[in-house]
């Protein structure tokens, strides 16, 4: 099924004007799946600051899920709530994608993004968060080298690619010196079907161009979008339909429309980055996998729910393993799960690893009900895993029960695919209830008001699953120290 998408140029703080326009469009054309913004979403001059605060405070809300790139100047960074690198939600319905990465939507749409301006010609002392350099391109190079890689549906950059106007008549006021060879390079290897850019203050809907990508000769459509509310009335909003690559037939994917040009980026433009510096070792951490017979597996293998394409919040070894730098999260108060706390009930601990430990849940539903707890302090339960075993073959039943009982309590759930990046749709500090099943799918409920604390246990102990109605309240299931110690030992023996 085709996705209805809106793409927008530099917003520059004109939120009210943009969102009012989108409301009018959706009244006439129906709902769109998302809005993708390139260029500067904010301004250094704080234009629209008062409006923005109303969105942050919840007084106003974006009428459509909105995804934005990171800042293009140091002054713009103040609006990003420290999310410009790793990405995350900065107000309801507005999400920062982060510095660079590729993520897949619920409908299977693949979106690659690279925020900021080219800093490859700057001295290292002059580089700031809003600059990208050659080393940032390594991530995309590795993705493109996968033998199963067919390209991405959409590429978002604020910076234009160098050479994009080869083989066409450039638009008025186009600066031939603008553009980045690094952007040209990632556009050549990622094979986007659509490439959107901003920042130059002009509009260009280029003729589609052929790829030089071997067998997959699908075309790329390039659009440079103007700023919102520009005096020249140039186009800043673009609506389009697209069927994601996994769901489109090969014939339609490779269809060539009329008026197609040759590939615009020559070897001179991209040669300087065709062999980018490779890191000496992987930057991935290790994540627990209930489906794997091993205890852990490399981050680069099949993605799990906390696989964030951006290094930093979840994927940086310095943060997750040996280097206890200043980036390590710090506890903000007493931590009842900290192994160094004299009050922690260590008789519940089953096993301690390098990054996390496993402990029996206090008042567990079953003897295999466990918690997987980070050894370091983290401010969000996005970093915490709780595991409850259910009878084999009841996964679909569990999904139904969660959604059915949720409806009776007015709790709306989203069913998410296994490869979803939760850090792009949930910001730390935002309350949520989440269930991950053994097939990788996820049920998510965003908590807007009161939430029944025993809801999860009520579901699991229901007749259709564990059939333990007398174990809904954990206090009714609490074991003595001797019983819990023996239970931990029994669990340990099962997994030797």
Foldseek 3Di string as FASTA:
>chain_A
DKAKEKEFEAAAQVQVLVQVVVVVVCVPPNDGAEYEYAAHPHDLVCHNVVVVVCQQVVVDDRPHQYEYAAHADPSSNVQVPPQQAQKFDRGHSYIYLHQWFWFADQLGAIETEHFYDDPQPPDPVPDDPRHDHLQVCQLLVVVLPPPPQLAGAEYGYQFAAQQPCPPHDDDPPDDNPGHALSVLQSCQRRVYQEYEYEDSQAWDFDAWEWHPHPPQTAIHTYIYAHYPPDPVPHHGMDIDIDRHPVPDDSCVRRDDDPPYHYSRQDCVSHVVNPPGDDDPDDQADWDAAPQDPDGTDTLPPDHAQANRRGPDDHGGCCAQADNPDPSHDDDPDDDQCAPPDPNHLCLQWQADDRFWTKGADFLDPDLPWIWTGGNTDDQACVVIDTDDDWDPPCQVVLVVLLCVVCVVVVWDKDKGAQRHNVRRVHPRPFDKDKDATNVRIMIITGDDDDDPPLSVLCSCCDPSIVVNNVSSDSVSRGDDSVVSSVSSVVVNVVSD
